[in-house]
Amino acid sequence: MAHELPPCPMTILPRACDRHADDEIASRYAHGAYVKNLNAAIEKHPNLGSKSPEDLIRDLNSIPEDIRGAVRNNGGGHVNHTMFWKIMKPQGGAIHRSNR
């Protein structure tokens, strides 16, 4: 099973400025690279293909040493970006103390 880039909920948000659009594009590009590189790493060990990225990084000691670094870096990047896209929302999260 190949891992896939999840849909981006940010594309439905209004753009405050071009800089935000550039940041989104750069982040999606990086996320895509993490997914591509994770898939390339686990191709060498087909038995790992059925595991979720979370399962892969949860027990790194069980990952063959020849791909452990790639799974840690790219699987971790994939998990972090996926979480980021899920928690993003218009107007951001909590109000920072300095903005009160």
PDB file of N, CA and C in Angstrom:
ATOM      1  N   MET A   1       0.848  -1.180   0.000  1.00  0.00           N
ATOM      2  CA  MET A   1       0.000   0.000   0.000  1.00  0.00           C
ATOM      3  C   MET A   1       0.887   1.235   0.000  1.00  0.00           C
ATOM      4  N   ALA A   2       0.706   2.071  -0.964  1.00  0.00           N
ATOM      5  CA  ALA A   2       1.466   3.322  -0.998  1.00  0.00           C
ATOM      6  C   ALA A   2       0.755   4.368  -0.154  1.00  0.00           C
ATOM      7  N   HIS A   3       1.550   5.133   0.554  1.00  0.00           N
ATOM      8  CA  HIS A   3       0.991   6.231   1.337  1.00  0.00           C
ATOM      9  C   HIS A   3       0.685   7.377   0.382  1.00  0.00           C
ATOM     10  N   GLU A   4      -0.333   8.160   0.723  1.00  0.00           N
ATOM     11  CA  GLU A   4      -0.779   9.233  -0.170  1.00  0.00           C
ATOM     12  C   GLU A   4      -0.820  10.563   0.558  1.00  0.00           C
ATOM     13  N   LEU A   5      -0.664  11.611  -0.207  1.00  0.00           N
ATOM     14  CA  LEU A   5      -0.790  12.963   0.300  1.00  0.00           C
ATOM     15  C   LEU A   5      -2.270  13.230   0.553  1.00  0.00           C
ATOM     16  N   PRO A   6      -2.657  13.561   1.792  1.00  0.00           N
ATOM     17  CA  PRO A   6      -4.073  13.808   2.059  1.00  0.00           C
ATOM     18  C   PRO A   6      -4.528  15.119   1.420  1.00  0.00           C
ATOM     19  N   PRO A   7      -5.838  15.261   1.198  1.00  0.00           N
ATOM     20  CA  PRO A   7      -6.333  16.511   0.635  1.00  0.00           C
ATOM     21  C   PRO A   7      -6.034  17.673   1.575  1.00  0.00           C
ATOM     22  N   CYS A   8      -5.864  18.822   1.018  1.00  0.00           N
ATOM     23  CA  CYS A   8      -5.507  20.007   1.797  1.00  0.00           C
ATOM     24  C   CYS A   8      -6.743  20.860   2.082  1.00  0.00           C
ATOM     25  N   PRO A   9      -7.163  20.974   3.337  1.00  0.00           N
ATOM     26  CA  PRO A   9      -8.325  21.795   3.655  1.00  0.00           C
ATOM     27  C   PRO A   9      -8.047  23.281   3.501  1.00  0.00           C
ATOM     28  N   MET A  10      -6.787  23.664   3.446  1.00  0.00           N
ATOM     29  CA  MET A  10      -6.431  25.078   3.361  1.00  0.00           C
ATOM     30  C   MET A  10      -6.836  25.709   2.041  1.00  0.00           C
ATOM     31  N   THR A  11      -7.067  24.919   1.008  1.00  0.00           N
ATOM     32  CA  THR A  11      -7.384  25.491  -0.297  1.00  0.00           C
ATOM     33  C   THR A  11      -8.740  26.182  -0.297  1.00  0.00           C
ATOM     34  N   ILE A  12      -9.561  25.930   0.696  1.00  0.00           N
ATOM     35  CA  ILE A  12     -10.860  26.581   0.737  1.00  0.00           C
ATOM     36  C   ILE A  12     -10.838  27.871   1.550  1.00  0.00           C
ATOM     37  N   LEU A  13      -9.721  28.161   2.181  1.00  0.00           N
ATOM     38  CA  LEU A  13      -9.629  29.363   2.997  1.00  0.00           C
ATOM     39  C   LEU A  13      -9.288  30.567   2.136  1.00  0.00           C
ATOM     40  N   PRO A  14      -9.813  31.736   2.496  1.00  0.00           N
ATOM     41  CA  PRO A  14      -9.445  32.934   1.737  1.00  0.00           C
ATOM     42  C   PRO A  14      -7.971  33.254   1.945  1.00  0.00           C
ATOM     43  N   ARG A  15      -7.378  33.824   0.951  1.00  0.00           N
ATOM     44  CA  ARG A  15      -5.969  34.197   1.025  1.00  0.00           C
ATOM     45  C   ARG A  15      -5.854  35.607   1.606  1.00  0.00           C
ATOM     46  N   ALA A  16      -5.145  35.731   2.713  1.00  0.00           N
ATOM     47  CA  ALA A  16      -4.943  37.051   3.308  1.00  0.00           C
ATOM     48  C   ALA A  16      -3.914  37.831   2.503  1.00  0.00           C
ATOM     49  N   CYS A  17      -2.951  37.123   1.962  1.00  0.00           N
ATOM     50  CA  CYS A  17      -1.939  37.770   1.134  1.00  0.00           C
ATOM     51  C   CYS A  17      -1.186  36.696   0.360  1.00  0.00           C
ATOM     52  N   ASP A  18      -0.414  37.125  -0.602  1.00  0.00           N
ATOM     53  CA  ASP A  18       0.331  36.171  -1.426  1.00  0.00           C
ATOM     54  C   ASP A  18       1.288  35.332  -0.597  1.00  0.00           C
ATOM     55  N   ARG A  19       1.810  35.887   0.476  1.00  0.00           N
ATOM     56  CA  ARG A  19       2.781  35.169   1.310  1.00  0.00           C
ATOM     57  C   ARG A  19       2.143  33.893   1.867  1.00  0.00           C
ATOM     58  N   HIS A  20       0.884  33.948   2.294  1.00  0.00           N
ATOM     59  CA  HIS A  20       0.225  32.759   2.818  1.00  0.00           C
ATOM     60  C   HIS A  20       0.082  31.693   1.729  1.00  0.00           C
ATOM     61  N   ALA A  21      -0.234  32.117   0.528  1.00  0.00           N
ATOM     62  CA  ALA A  21      -0.354  31.167  -0.576  1.00  0.00           C
ATOM     63  C   ALA A  21       0.998  30.524  -0.851  1.00  0.00           C
ATOM     64  N   ASP A  22       2.053  31.319  -0.828  1.00  0.00           N
ATOM     65  CA  ASP A  22       3.400  30.775  -1.045  1.00  0.00           C
ATOM     66  C   ASP A  22       3.757  29.770   0.040  1.00  0.00           C
ATOM     67  N   ASP A  23       3.412  30.081   1.291  1.00  0.00           N
ATOM     68  CA  ASP A  23       3.699  29.167   2.396  1.00  0.00           C
ATOM     69  C   ASP A  23       2.948  27.849   2.215  1.00  0.00           C
ATOM     70  N   GLU A  24       1.698  27.937   1.795  1.00  0.00           N
ATOM     71  CA  GLU A  24       0.908  26.723   1.599  1.00  0.00           C
ATOM     72  C   GLU A  24       1.504  25.861   0.500  1.00  0.00           C
ATOM     73  N   ILE A  25       1.874  26.482  -0.601  1.00  0.00           N
ATOM     74  CA  ILE A  25       2.460  25.739  -1.716  1.00  0.00           C
ATOM     75  C   ILE A  25       3.763  25.073  -1.278  1.00  0.00           C
ATOM     76  N   ALA A  26       4.602  25.811  -0.570  1.00  0.00           N
ATOM     77  CA  ALA A  26       5.882  25.255  -0.104  1.00  0.00           C
ATOM     78  C   ALA A  26       5.649  24.093   0.854  1.00  0.00           C
ATOM     79  N   SER A  27       4.668  24.231   1.741  1.00  0.00           N
ATOM     80  CA  SER A  27       4.394  23.175   2.703  1.00  0.00           C
ATOM     81  C   SER A  27       3.824  21.940   2.014  1.00  0.00           C
ATOM     82  N   ARG A  28       2.940  22.122   1.057  1.00  0.00           N
ATOM     83  CA  ARG A  28       2.382  20.984   0.328  1.00  0.00           C
ATOM     84  C   ARG A  28       3.466  20.288  -0.493  1.00  0.00           C
ATOM     85  N   TYR A  29       4.379  21.063  -1.059  1.00  0.00           N
ATOM     86  CA  TYR A  29       5.483  20.485  -1.817  1.00  0.00           C
ATOM     87  C   TYR A  29       6.353  19.628  -0.896  1.00  0.00           C
ATOM     88  N   ALA A  30       6.690  20.156   0.274  1.00  0.00           N
ATOM     89  CA  ALA A  30       7.505  19.407   1.240  1.00  0.00           C
ATOM     90  C   ALA A  30       6.772  18.147   1.683  1.00  0.00           C
ATOM     91  N   HIS A  31       5.479  18.270   1.963  1.00  0.00           N
ATOM     92  CA  HIS A  31       4.693  17.121   2.403  1.00  0.00           C
ATOM     93  C   HIS A  31       4.703  16.043   1.324  1.00  0.00           C
ATOM     94  N   GLY A  32       4.534  16.458   0.085  1.00  0.00           N
ATOM     95  CA  GLY A  32       4.570  15.504  -1.018  1.00  0.00           C
ATOM     96  C   GLY A  32       5.905  14.781  -1.104  1.00  0.00           C
ATOM     97  N   ALA A  33       6.984  15.503  -0.831  1.00  0.00           N
ATOM     98  CA  ALA A  33       8.313  14.890  -0.849  1.00  0.00           C
ATOM     99  C   ALA A  33       8.449  13.867   0.276  1.00  0.00           C
ATOM    100  N   TYR A  34       7.903  14.181   1.454  1.00  0.00           N
ATOM    101  CA  TYR A  34       7.950  13.219   2.564  1.00  0.00           C
ATOM    102  C   TYR A  34       7.229  11.932   2.184  1.00  0.00           C
ATOM    103  N   VAL A  35       6.059  12.062   1.576  1.00  0.00           N
ATOM    104  CA  VAL A  35       5.273  10.881   1.180  1.00  0.00           C
ATOM    105  C   VAL A  35       6.027  10.074   0.120  1.00  0.00           C
ATOM    106  N   LYS A  36       6.546  10.763  -0.880  1.00  0.00           N
ATOM    107  CA  LYS A  36       7.288  10.078  -1.954  1.00  0.00           C
ATOM    108  C   LYS A  36       8.504   9.340  -1.393  1.00  0.00           C
ATOM    109  N   ASN A  37       9.251   9.996  -0.518  1.00  0.00           N
ATOM    110  CA  ASN A  37      10.460   9.378   0.033  1.00  0.00           C
ATOM    111  C   ASN A  37      10.145   8.256   1.016  1.00  0.00           C
ATOM    112  N   LEU A  38       9.050   8.369   1.758  1.00  0.00           N
ATOM    113  CA  LEU A  38       8.626   7.284   2.639  1.00  0.00           C
ATOM    114  C   LEU A  38       8.268   6.053   1.802  1.00  0.00           C
ATOM    115  N   ASN A  39       7.493   6.261   0.740  1.00  0.00           N
ATOM    116  CA  ASN A  39       7.122   5.147  -0.131  1.00  0.00           C
ATOM    117  C   ASN A  39       8.348   4.495  -0.758  1.00  0.00           C
ATOM    118  N   ALA A  40       9.319   5.299  -1.179  1.00  0.00           N
ATOM    119  CA  ALA A  40      10.542   4.753  -1.774  1.00  0.00           C
ATOM    120  C   ALA A  40      11.304   3.904  -0.760  1.00  0.00           C
ATOM    121  N   ALA A  41      11.352   4.361   0.479  1.00  0.00           N
ATOM    122  CA  ALA A  41      12.069   3.610   1.514  1.00  0.00           C
ATOM    123  C   ALA A  41      11.408   2.272   1.798  1.00  0.00           C
ATOM    124  N   ILE A  42      10.082   2.274   1.946  1.00  0.00           N
ATOM    125  CA  ILE A  42       9.431   1.019   2.332  1.00  0.00           C
ATOM    126  C   ILE A  42       9.258   0.057   1.160  1.00  0.00           C
ATOM    127  N   GLU A  43       9.474   0.534  -0.066  1.00  0.00           N
ATOM    128  CA  GLU A  43       9.458  -0.384  -1.216  1.00  0.00           C
ATOM    129  C   GLU A  43      10.509  -1.477  -1.055  1.00  0.00           C
ATOM    130  N   LYS A  44      11.585  -1.162  -0.363  1.00  0.00           N
ATOM    131  CA  LYS A  44      12.682  -2.112  -0.159  1.00  0.00           C
ATOM    132  C   LYS A  44      12.292  -3.223   0.811  1.00  0.00           C
ATOM    133  N   HIS A  45      11.228  -2.995   1.562  1.00  0.00           N
ATOM    134  CA  HIS A  45      10.749  -3.970   2.552  1.00  0.00           C
ATOM    135  C   HIS A  45       9.222  -4.030   2.442  1.00  0.00           C
ATOM    136  N   PRO A  46       8.697  -4.791   1.467  1.00  0.00           N
ATOM    137  CA  PRO A  46       7.257  -4.814   1.190  1.00  0.00           C
ATOM    138  C   PRO A  46       6.382  -5.161   2.399  1.00  0.00           C
ATOM    139  N   ASN A  47       6.930  -5.880   3.363  1.00  0.00           N
ATOM    140  CA  ASN A  47       6.133  -6.235   4.547  1.00  0.00           C
ATOM    141  C   ASN A  47       5.745  -5.000   5.356  1.00  0.00           C
ATOM    142  N   LEU A  48       6.404  -3.881   5.143  1.00  0.00           N
ATOM    143  CA  LEU A  48       6.082  -2.649   5.878  1.00  0.00           C
ATOM    144  C   LEU A  48       4.997  -1.822   5.194  1.00  0.00           C
ATOM    145  N   GLY A  49       4.656  -2.177   3.961  1.00  0.00           N
ATOM    146  CA  GLY A  49       3.711  -1.393   3.177  1.00  0.00           C
ATOM    147  C   GLY A  49       2.319  -1.306   3.754  1.00  0.00           C
ATOM    148  N   SER A  50       1.927  -2.253   4.568  1.00  0.00           N
ATOM    149  CA  SER A  50       0.573  -2.232   5.129  1.00  0.00           C
ATOM    150  C   SER A  50       0.482  -1.416   6.417  1.00  0.00           C
ATOM    151  N   LYS A  51       1.620  -0.942   6.919  1.00  0.00           N
ATOM    152  CA  LYS A  51       1.623  -0.179   8.176  1.00  0.00           C
ATOM    153  C   LYS A  51       1.373   1.300   7.912  1.00  0.00           C
ATOM    154  N   SER A  52       0.645   1.917   8.806  1.00  0.00           N
ATOM    155  CA  SER A  52       0.423   3.359   8.701  1.00  0.00           C
ATOM    156  C   SER A  52       1.717   4.092   9.033  1.00  0.00           C
ATOM    157  N   PRO A  53       1.847   5.337   8.616  1.00  0.00           N
ATOM    158  CA  PRO A  53       3.044   6.098   8.976  1.00  0.00           C
ATOM    159  C   PRO A  53       3.223   6.196  10.498  1.00  0.00           C
ATOM    160  N   GLU A  54       2.120   6.325  11.210  1.00  0.00           N
ATOM    161  CA  GLU A  54       2.193   6.391  12.674  1.00  0.00           C
ATOM    162  C   GLU A  54       2.757   5.102  13.253  1.00  0.00           C
ATOM    163  N   ASP A  55       2.304   3.965  12.726  1.00  0.00           N
ATOM    164  CA  ASP A  55       2.815   2.678  13.199  1.00  0.00           C
ATOM    165  C   ASP A  55       4.294   2.506  12.867  1.00  0.00           C
ATOM    166  N   LEU A  56       4.694   2.989  11.702  1.00  0.00           N
ATOM    167  CA  LEU A  56       6.093   2.880  11.308  1.00  0.00           C
ATOM    168  C   LEU A  56       7.006   3.644  12.265  1.00  0.00           C
ATOM    169  N   ILE A  57       6.623   4.868  12.618  1.00  0.00           N
ATOM    170  CA  ILE A  57       7.506   5.666  13.478  1.00  0.00           C
ATOM    171  C   ILE A  57       7.321   5.367  14.961  1.00  0.00           C
ATOM    172  N   ARG A  58       6.206   4.733  15.304  1.00  0.00           N
ATOM    173  CA  ARG A  58       5.955   4.389  16.709  1.00  0.00           C
ATOM    174  C   ARG A  58       6.981   3.399  17.242  1.00  0.00           C
ATOM    175  N   ASP A  59       7.419   2.493  16.391  1.00  0.00           N
ATOM    176  CA  ASP A  59       8.372   1.468  16.815  1.00  0.00           C
ATOM    177  C   ASP A  59       9.542   1.433  15.837  1.00  0.00           C
ATOM    178  N   LEU A  60      10.341   2.486  15.850  1.00  0.00           N
ATOM    179  CA  LEU A  60      11.455   2.588  14.905  1.00  0.00           C
ATOM    180  C   LEU A  60      12.476   1.472  15.048  1.00  0.00           C
ATOM    181  N   ASN A  61      12.590   0.911  16.243  1.00  0.00           N
ATOM    182  CA  ASN A  61      13.565  -0.167  16.423  1.00  0.00           C
ATOM    183  C   ASN A  61      13.217  -1.404  15.615  1.00  0.00           C
ATOM    184  N   SER A  62      11.949  -1.548  15.219  1.00  0.00           N
ATOM    185  CA  SER A  62      11.554  -2.709  14.415  1.00  0.00           C
ATOM    186  C   SER A  62      11.765  -2.465  12.915  1.00  0.00           C
ATOM    187  N   ILE A  63      12.105  -1.243  12.549  1.00  0.00           N
ATOM    188  CA  ILE A  63      12.335  -0.902  11.147  1.00  0.00           C
ATOM    189  C   ILE A  63      13.764  -1.305  10.776  1.00  0.00           C
ATOM    190  N   PRO A  64      13.947  -1.978   9.640  1.00  0.00           N
ATOM    191  CA  PRO A  64      15.309  -2.358   9.241  1.00  0.00           C
ATOM    192  C   PRO A  64      16.237  -1.142   9.215  1.00  0.00           C
ATOM    193  N   GLU A  65      17.433  -1.365   9.681  1.00  0.00           N
ATOM    194  CA  GLU A  65      18.394  -0.263   9.841  1.00  0.00           C
ATOM    195  C   GLU A  65      18.680   0.479   8.537  1.00  0.00           C
ATOM    196  N   ASP A  66      18.645  -0.234   7.411  1.00  0.00           N
ATOM    197  CA  ASP A  66      18.978   0.417   6.140  1.00  0.00           C
ATOM    198  C   ASP A  66      17.969   1.483   5.718  1.00  0.00           C
ATOM    199  N   ILE A  67      16.752   1.456   6.287  1.00  0.00           N
ATOM    200  CA  ILE A  67      15.753   2.479   5.945  1.00  0.00           C
ATOM    201  C   ILE A  67      15.250   3.236   7.171  1.00  0.00           C
ATOM    202  N   ARG A  68      15.781   2.924   8.331  1.00  0.00           N
ATOM    203  CA  ARG A  68      15.278   3.534   9.573  1.00  0.00           C
ATOM    204  C   ARG A  68      15.334   5.058   9.540  1.00  0.00           C
ATOM    205  N   GLY A  69      16.425   5.613   9.102  1.00  0.00           N
ATOM    206  CA  GLY A  69      16.555   7.076   9.039  1.00  0.00           C
ATOM    207  C   GLY A  69      15.553   7.682   8.080  1.00  0.00           C
ATOM    208  N   ALA A  70      15.376   7.066   6.925  1.00  0.00           N
ATOM    209  CA  ALA A  70      14.419   7.581   5.939  1.00  0.00           C
ATOM    210  C   ALA A  70      12.992   7.481   6.459  1.00  0.00           C
ATOM    211  N   VAL A  71      12.672   6.394   7.155  1.00  0.00           N
ATOM    212  CA  VAL A  71      11.326   6.240   7.722  1.00  0.00           C
ATOM    213  C   VAL A  71      11.112   7.256   8.835  1.00  0.00           C
ATOM    214  N   ARG A  72      12.123   7.434   9.688  1.00  0.00           N
ATOM    215  CA  ARG A  72      12.012   8.411  10.779  1.00  0.00           C
ATOM    216  C   ARG A  72      11.794   9.820  10.213  1.00  0.00           C
ATOM    217  N   ASN A  73      12.638  10.229   9.292  1.00  0.00           N
ATOM    218  CA  ASN A  73      12.566  11.588   8.763  1.00  0.00           C
ATOM    219  C   ASN A  73      11.339  11.823   7.892  1.00  0.00           C
ATOM    220  N   ASN A  74      11.087  10.923   6.961  1.00  0.00           N
ATOM    221  CA  ASN A  74       9.993  11.128   6.013  1.00  0.00           C
ATOM    222  C   ASN A  74       8.642  10.709   6.569  1.00  0.00           C
ATOM    223  N   GLY A  75       8.614   9.605   7.326  1.00  0.00           N
ATOM    224  CA  GLY A  75       7.368   9.221   7.988  1.00  0.00           C
ATOM    225  C   GLY A  75       6.971  10.265   9.021  1.00  0.00           C
ATOM    226  N   GLY A  76       7.952  10.740   9.777  1.00  0.00           N
ATOM    227  CA  GLY A  76       7.679  11.786  10.768  1.00  0.00           C
ATOM    228  C   GLY A  76       7.211  13.067  10.120  1.00  0.00           C
ATOM    229  N   GLY A  77       7.847  13.452   9.019  1.00  0.00           N
ATOM    230  CA  GLY A  77       7.418  14.656   8.303  1.00  0.00           C
ATOM    231  C   GLY A  77       6.004  14.515   7.764  1.00  0.00           C
ATOM    232  N   HIS A  78       5.690  13.342   7.253  1.00  0.00           N
ATOM    233  CA  HIS A  78       4.338  13.070   6.730  1.00  0.00           C
ATOM    234  C   HIS A  78       3.308  13.166   7.858  1.00  0.00           C
ATOM    235  N   VAL A  79       3.584  12.534   8.988  1.00  0.00           N
ATOM    236  CA  VAL A  79       2.659  12.567  10.127  1.00  0.00           C
ATOM    237  C   VAL A  79       2.485  13.992  10.635  1.00  0.00           C
ATOM    238  N   ASN A  80       3.583  14.725  10.778  1.00  0.00           N
ATOM    239  CA  ASN A  80       3.500  16.098  11.278  1.00  0.00           C
ATOM    240  C   ASN A  80       2.708  16.997  10.336  1.00  0.00           C
ATOM    241  N   HIS A  81       2.954  16.895   9.033  1.00  0.00           N
ATOM    242  CA  HIS A  81       2.216  17.728   8.086  1.00  0.00           C
ATOM    243  C   HIS A  81       0.734  17.354   8.050  1.00  0.00           C
ATOM    244  N   THR A  82       0.440  16.057   8.129  1.00  0.00           N
ATOM    245  CA  THR A  82      -0.962  15.634   8.126  1.00  0.00           C
ATOM    246  C   THR A  82      -1.687  16.202   9.346  1.00  0.00           C
ATOM    247  N   MET A  83      -1.046  16.140  10.508  1.00  0.00           N
ATOM    248  CA  MET A  83      -1.643  16.712  11.716  1.00  0.00           C
ATOM    249  C   MET A  83      -1.825  18.224  11.553  1.00  0.00           C
ATOM    250  N   PHE A  84      -0.835  18.885  11.004  1.00  0.00           N
ATOM    251  CA  PHE A  84      -0.897  20.326  10.784  1.00  0.00           C
ATOM    252  C   PHE A  84      -2.113  20.690   9.941  1.00  0.00           C
ATOM    253  N   TRP A  85      -2.331  19.976   8.836  1.00  0.00           N
ATOM    254  CA  TRP A  85      -3.459  20.299   7.961  1.00  0.00           C
ATOM    255  C   TRP A  85      -4.792  20.043   8.655  1.00  0.00           C
ATOM    256  N   LYS A  86      -4.828  19.049   9.538  1.00  0.00           N
ATOM    257  CA  LYS A  86      -6.083  18.752  10.242  1.00  0.00           C
ATOM    258  C   LYS A  86      -6.440  19.818  11.272  1.00  0.00           C
ATOM    259  N   ILE A  87      -5.440  20.429  11.900  1.00  0.00           N
ATOM    260  CA  ILE A  87      -5.747  21.385  12.962  1.00  0.00           C
ATOM    261  C   ILE A  87      -5.809  22.823  12.472  1.00  0.00           C
ATOM    262  N   MET A  88      -5.422  23.069  11.223  1.00  0.00           N
ATOM    263  CA  MET A  88      -5.499  24.425  10.689  1.00  0.00           C
ATOM    264  C   MET A  88      -6.959  24.823  10.525  1.00  0.00           C
ATOM    265  N   LYS A  89      -7.221  26.089  10.768  1.00  0.00           N
ATOM    266  CA  LYS A  89      -8.565  26.610  10.580  1.00  0.00           C
ATOM    267  C   LYS A  89      -8.492  28.109  10.381  1.00  0.00           C
ATOM    268  N   PRO A  90      -9.539  28.692   9.836  1.00  0.00           N
ATOM    269  CA  PRO A  90      -9.533  30.139   9.666  1.00  0.00           C
ATOM    270  C   PRO A  90      -9.356  30.828  11.024  1.00  0.00           C
ATOM    271  N   GLN A  91      -8.640  31.888  11.042  1.00  0.00           N
ATOM    272  CA  GLN A  91      -8.388  32.679  12.246  1.00  0.00           C
ATOM    273  C   GLN A  91      -7.472  31.989  13.257  1.00  0.00           C
ATOM    274  N   GLY A  92      -6.908  30.851  12.927  1.00  0.00           N
ATOM    275  CA  GLY A  92      -5.949  30.188  13.803  1.00  0.00           C
ATOM    276  C   GLY A  92      -6.563  29.594  15.038  1.00  0.00           C
ATOM    277  N   GLY A  93      -5.715  29.280  15.996  1.00  0.00           N
ATOM    278  CA  GLY A  93      -6.167  28.627  17.223  1.00  0.00           C
ATOM    279  C   GLY A  93      -6.349  29.604  18.358  1.00  0.00           C
ATOM    280  N   ALA A  94      -5.798  29.267  19.504  1.00  0.00           N
ATOM    281  CA  ALA A  94      -5.961  30.072  20.706  1.00  0.00           C
ATOM    282  C   ALA A  94      -5.324  31.454  20.540  1.00  0.00           C
ATOM    283  N   ILE A  95      -5.807  32.384  21.290  1.00  0.00           N
ATOM    284  CA  ILE A  95      -5.249  33.731  21.275  1.00  0.00           C
ATOM    285  C   ILE A  95      -3.981  33.754  22.095  1.00  0.00           C
ATOM    286  N   HIS A  96      -2.922  34.232  21.497  1.00  0.00           N
ATOM    287  CA  HIS A  96      -1.640  34.321  22.208  1.00  0.00           C
ATOM    288  C   HIS A  96      -1.721  35.454  23.220  1.00  0.00           C
ATOM    289  N   ARG A  97      -1.085  35.283  24.346  1.00  0.00           N
ATOM    290  CA  ARG A  97      -1.122  36.285  25.430  1.00  0.00           C
ATOM    291  C   ARG A  97      -0.744  37.677  24.944  1.00  0.00           C
ATOM    292  N   SER A  98       0.211  37.764  24.048  1.00  0.00           N
ATOM    293  CA  SER A  98       0.656  39.081  23.585  1.00  0.00           C
ATOM    294  C   SER A  98      -0.389  39.779  22.734  1.00  0.00           C
ATOM    295  N   ASN A  99      -1.416  39.069  22.288  1.00  0.00           N
ATOM    296  CA  ASN A  99      -2.467  39.659  21.456  1.00  0.00           C
ATOM    297  C   ASN A  99      -3.716  40.013  22.239  1.00  0.00           C
ATOM    298  N   ARG A 100      -3.687  39.859  23.540  1.00  0.00           N
ATOM    299  CA  ARG A 100      -4.883  40.150  24.341  1.00  0.00           C
ATOM    300  C   ARG A 100      -4.964  41.604  24.690  1.00  0.00           C
TER     301      ARG A 100
END
